[in-house]
Amino acid sequence: MPMPANLASFALHVDDVDRARSFYEAVFGWEFEPWGPPGFYLIHTGDADAPGVQGLMHKRHVPRSGEGLNGIEPTFAVDDVDAVAERVVAHGGTITLPRAVIPTVGTLIRFLDTEGNDIGAMRYEARPRG
């Protein structure tokens, strides 16, 4: 039986990292942990008893101008990214990031669904922290 493909992670792409961090700390009480390159954060949406969903936040790769991602980038946990990639293509989606290994995290693909939504599927090495 395959993994149920639950939402495992989301990423916020922002123009101003400090402004967005302050906003989400004030609105939701999220905690931000620097991780990886400068301006890249893990977002802890819950606590030890109810960890929530792992979040990420970083500066947009492409300034918001009608091009690039202008929304939340979800990633779903799966058992087999290659099988998911095959099904994406077979059912009209487009692979935008072929199989990529992120050391200590897992193996990721990204794709556009039939409606142009940017979606990720990752085989995690360990369950994401929330």
C-alpha atoms as a PDB file:
ATOM      1  CA  MET A   1       0.000   0.000   0.000  1.00  0.00           C
ATOM      2  CA  PRO A   2       1.602   3.334  -1.012  1.00  0.00           C
ATOM      3  CA  MET A   3       2.128   6.222   1.405  1.00  0.00           C
ATOM      4  CA  PRO A   4      -1.026   8.379   1.583  1.00  0.00           C
ATOM      5  CA  ALA A   5       0.747  11.493   0.173  1.00  0.00           C
ATOM      6  CA  ASN A   6      -0.094  13.724   3.126  1.00  0.00           C
ATOM      7  CA  LEU A   7       0.945  17.361   3.071  1.00  0.00           C
ATOM      8  CA  ALA A   8       4.417  17.280   4.624  1.00  0.00           C
ATOM      9  CA  SER A   9       5.818  20.721   3.964  1.00  0.00           C
ATOM     10  CA  PHE A  10       5.029  24.123   2.525  1.00  0.00           C
ATOM     11  CA  ALA A  11       7.269  26.955   1.403  1.00  0.00           C
ATOM     12  CA  LEU A  12       6.535  30.663   1.439  1.00  0.00           C
ATOM     13  CA  HIS A  13       8.303  32.644  -1.279  1.00  0.00           C
ATOM     14  CA  VAL A  14       8.541  36.257  -0.145  1.00  0.00           C
ATOM     15  CA  ASP A  15       9.929  39.582  -1.351  1.00  0.00           C
ATOM     16  CA  ASP A  16      11.087  40.790   2.079  1.00  0.00           C
ATOM     17  CA  VAL A  17      12.147  37.972   4.414  1.00  0.00           C
ATOM     18  CA  ASP A  18      12.320  40.124   7.565  1.00  0.00           C
ATOM     19  CA  ARG A  19       8.916  41.717   6.937  1.00  0.00           C
ATOM     20  CA  ALA A  20       7.276  38.350   6.233  1.00  0.00           C
ATOM     21  CA  ARG A  21       8.905  36.758   9.274  1.00  0.00           C
ATOM     22  CA  SER A  22       7.582  39.537  11.532  1.00  0.00           C
ATOM     23  CA  PHE A  23       4.125  39.200   9.993  1.00  0.00           C
ATOM     24  CA  TYR A  24       3.832  35.432  10.562  1.00  0.00           C
ATOM     25  CA  GLU A  25       5.346  35.612  14.058  1.00  0.00           C
ATOM     26  CA  ALA A  26       2.689  38.187  14.994  1.00  0.00           C
ATOM     27  CA  VAL A  27      -0.257  36.585  13.193  1.00  0.00           C
ATOM     28  CA  PHE A  28       0.279  32.861  13.891  1.00  0.00           C
ATOM     29  CA  GLY A  29       3.025  32.800  16.539  1.00  0.00           C
ATOM     30  CA  TRP A  30       5.240  30.700  14.261  1.00  0.00           C
ATOM     31  CA  GLU A  31       8.891  30.281  15.216  1.00  0.00           C
ATOM     32  CA  PHE A  32      11.603  30.675  12.567  1.00  0.00           C
ATOM     33  CA  GLU A  33      14.881  28.761  12.596  1.00  0.00           C
ATOM     34  CA  PRO A  34      17.722  29.828  10.268  1.00  0.00           C
ATOM     35  CA  TRP A  35      18.642  26.859   8.082  1.00  0.00           C
ATOM     36  CA  GLY A  36      20.852  26.593   5.024  1.00  0.00           C
ATOM     37  CA  PRO A  37      21.667  29.690   2.986  1.00  0.00           C
ATOM     38  CA  PRO A  38      21.198  33.213   4.429  1.00  0.00           C
ATOM     39  CA  GLY A  39      17.553  34.283   4.485  1.00  0.00           C
ATOM     40  CA  PHE A  40      16.287  30.662   4.441  1.00  0.00           C
ATOM     41  CA  TYR A  41      14.223  29.548   7.440  1.00  0.00           C
ATOM     42  CA  LEU A  42      12.468  26.473   8.766  1.00  0.00           C
ATOM     43  CA  ILE A  43       9.077  27.450  10.144  1.00  0.00           C
ATOM     44  CA  HIS A  44       7.837  25.665  13.249  1.00  0.00           C
ATOM     45  CA  THR A  45       4.052  25.934  13.095  1.00  0.00           C
ATOM     46  CA  GLY A  46       3.335  24.025  16.288  1.00  0.00           C
ATOM     47  CA  ASP A  47       4.905  22.688  19.457  1.00  0.00           C
ATOM     48  CA  ALA A  48       6.135  19.298  20.720  1.00  0.00           C
ATOM     49  CA  ASP A  49       2.578  18.099  21.446  1.00  0.00           C
ATOM     50  CA  ALA A  50       1.099  19.258  18.130  1.00  0.00           C
ATOM     51  CA  PRO A  51       4.016  19.857  15.730  1.00  0.00           C
ATOM     52  CA  GLY A  52       1.937  20.914  12.739  1.00  0.00           C
ATOM     53  CA  VAL A  53       3.343  20.967   9.205  1.00  0.00           C
ATOM     54  CA  GLN A  54       6.961  21.793   8.401  1.00  0.00           C
ATOM     55  CA  GLY A  55       7.238  25.212   6.815  1.00  0.00           C
ATOM     56  CA  LEU A  56      10.021  26.904   4.884  1.00  0.00           C
ATOM     57  CA  MET A  57      10.470  30.555   3.960  1.00  0.00           C
ATOM     58  CA  HIS A  58      12.917  32.240   1.617  1.00  0.00           C
ATOM     59  CA  LYS A  59      13.280  35.149  -0.769  1.00  0.00           C
ATOM     60  CA  ARG A  60      11.577  34.745  -4.141  1.00  0.00           C
ATOM     61  CA  HIS A  61      13.853  33.466  -6.894  1.00  0.00           C
ATOM     62  CA  VAL A  62      12.034  35.691  -9.383  1.00  0.00           C
ATOM     63  CA  PRO A  63      10.635  39.065  -8.184  1.00  0.00           C
ATOM     64  CA  ARG A  64       6.839  39.131  -8.133  1.00  0.00           C
ATOM     65  CA  SER A  65       5.998  40.452 -11.566  1.00  0.00           C
ATOM     66  CA  GLY A  66       3.555  37.957 -12.993  1.00  0.00           C
ATOM     67  CA  GLU A  67       6.386  35.491 -13.637  1.00  0.00           C
ATOM     68  CA  GLY A  68       7.555  32.835 -11.208  1.00  0.00           C
ATOM     69  CA  LEU A  69       5.715  31.387  -8.245  1.00  0.00           C
ATOM     70  CA  ASN A  70       3.231  33.707  -6.533  1.00  0.00           C
ATOM     71  CA  GLY A  71       1.793  31.408  -3.923  1.00  0.00           C
ATOM     72  CA  ILE A  72       2.504  28.761  -1.335  1.00  0.00           C
ATOM     73  CA  GLU A  73       4.569  25.840  -2.578  1.00  0.00           C
ATOM     74  CA  PRO A  74       3.261  22.568  -1.070  1.00  0.00           C
ATOM     75  CA  THR A  75       5.250  19.336  -0.873  1.00  0.00           C
ATOM     76  CA  PHE A  76       3.600  15.968  -0.310  1.00  0.00           C
ATOM     77  CA  ALA A  77       5.350  12.986   1.289  1.00  0.00           C
ATOM     78  CA  VAL A  78       5.472   9.918  -0.984  1.00  0.00           C
ATOM     79  CA  ASP A  79       7.177   6.521  -0.973  1.00  0.00           C
ATOM     80  CA  ASP A  80       8.452   6.632  -4.566  1.00  0.00           C
ATOM     81  CA  VAL A  81       9.132   9.891  -6.432  1.00  0.00           C
ATOM     82  CA  ASP A  82       9.908   8.044  -9.676  1.00  0.00           C
ATOM     83  CA  ALA A  83       6.491   6.364  -9.691  1.00  0.00           C
ATOM     84  CA  VAL A  84       4.803   9.692  -8.944  1.00  0.00           C
ATOM     85  CA  ALA A  85       6.742  11.367 -11.780  1.00  0.00           C
ATOM     86  CA  GLU A  86       5.575   8.674 -14.193  1.00  0.00           C
ATOM     87  CA  ARG A  87       1.947   9.168 -13.140  1.00  0.00           C
ATOM     88  CA  VAL A  88       2.266  12.969 -13.401  1.00  0.00           C
ATOM     89  CA  VAL A  89       3.404  12.723 -17.031  1.00  0.00           C
ATOM     90  CA  ALA A  90       0.912   9.965 -17.889  1.00  0.00           C
ATOM     91  CA  HIS A  91      -1.976  12.123 -16.674  1.00  0.00           C
ATOM     92  CA  GLY A  92      -1.044  15.424 -18.341  1.00  0.00           C
ATOM     93  CA  GLY A  93       1.260  17.096 -15.818  1.00  0.00           C
ATOM     94  CA  THR A  94       4.743  18.474 -16.488  1.00  0.00           C
ATOM     95  CA  ILE A  95       7.869  17.704 -14.490  1.00  0.00           C
ATOM     96  CA  THR A  96       9.628  21.003 -13.685  1.00  0.00           C
ATOM     97  CA  LEU A  97      12.339  19.629 -11.368  1.00  0.00           C
ATOM     98  CA  PRO A  98      13.459  16.091 -12.093  1.00  0.00           C
ATOM     99  CA  ARG A  99      14.561  13.825  -9.255  1.00  0.00           C
ATOM    100  CA  ALA A 100      16.860  15.861  -6.993  1.00  0.00           C
ATOM    101  CA  VAL A 101      18.531  14.652  -3.824  1.00  0.00           C
ATOM    102  CA  ILE A 102      18.632  17.134  -0.952  1.00  0.00           C
ATOM    103  CA  PRO A 103      21.250  15.797   1.477  1.00  0.00           C
ATOM    104  CA  THR A 104      19.849  14.846   4.906  1.00  0.00           C
ATOM    105  CA  VAL A 105      16.299  15.691   3.753  1.00  0.00           C
ATOM    106  CA  GLY A 106      15.236  13.383   0.915  1.00  0.00           C
ATOM    107  CA  THR A 107      14.585  13.058  -2.809  1.00  0.00           C
ATOM    108  CA  LEU A 108      12.321  15.644  -4.443  1.00  0.00           C
ATOM    109  CA  ILE A 109      10.496  16.208  -7.710  1.00  0.00           C
ATOM    110  CA  ARG A 110       8.450  19.281  -8.609  1.00  0.00           C
ATOM    111  CA  PHE A 111       5.750  19.404 -11.243  1.00  0.00           C
ATOM    112  CA  LEU A 112       2.948  21.464 -12.686  1.00  0.00           C
ATOM    113  CA  ASP A 113      -0.449  19.838 -12.491  1.00  0.00           C
ATOM    114  CA  THR A 114      -2.896  20.111 -15.374  1.00  0.00           C
ATOM    115  CA  GLU A 115      -3.971  23.535 -14.035  1.00  0.00           C
ATOM    116  CA  GLY A 116      -0.456  24.993 -13.739  1.00  0.00           C
ATOM    117  CA  ASN A 117      -0.141  24.592  -9.954  1.00  0.00           C
ATOM    118  CA  ASP A 118       3.440  24.035  -8.717  1.00  0.00           C
ATOM    119  CA  ILE A 119       3.505  20.892  -6.566  1.00  0.00           C
ATOM    120  CA  GLY A 120       6.285  18.911  -4.917  1.00  0.00           C
ATOM    121  CA  ALA A 121       6.546  15.234  -4.032  1.00  0.00           C
ATOM    122  CA  MET A 122       9.350  14.083  -1.749  1.00  0.00           C
ATOM    123  CA  ARG A 123      10.585  10.798  -0.374  1.00  0.00           C
ATOM    124  CA  TYR A 124      11.784  12.025   3.029  1.00  0.00           C
ATOM    125  CA  GLU A 125      14.717  10.434   4.846  1.00  0.00           C
ATOM    126  CA  ALA A 126      12.901  11.171   8.122  1.00  0.00           C
ATOM    127  CA  ARG A 127       9.505  12.605   9.005  1.00  0.00           C
ATOM    128  CA  PRO A 128       9.554  16.418   8.584  1.00  0.00           C
ATOM    129  CA  ARG A 129       9.521  18.480  11.789  1.00  0.00           C
ATOM    130  CA  GLY A 130       6.670  20.921  12.230  1.00  0.00           C
END
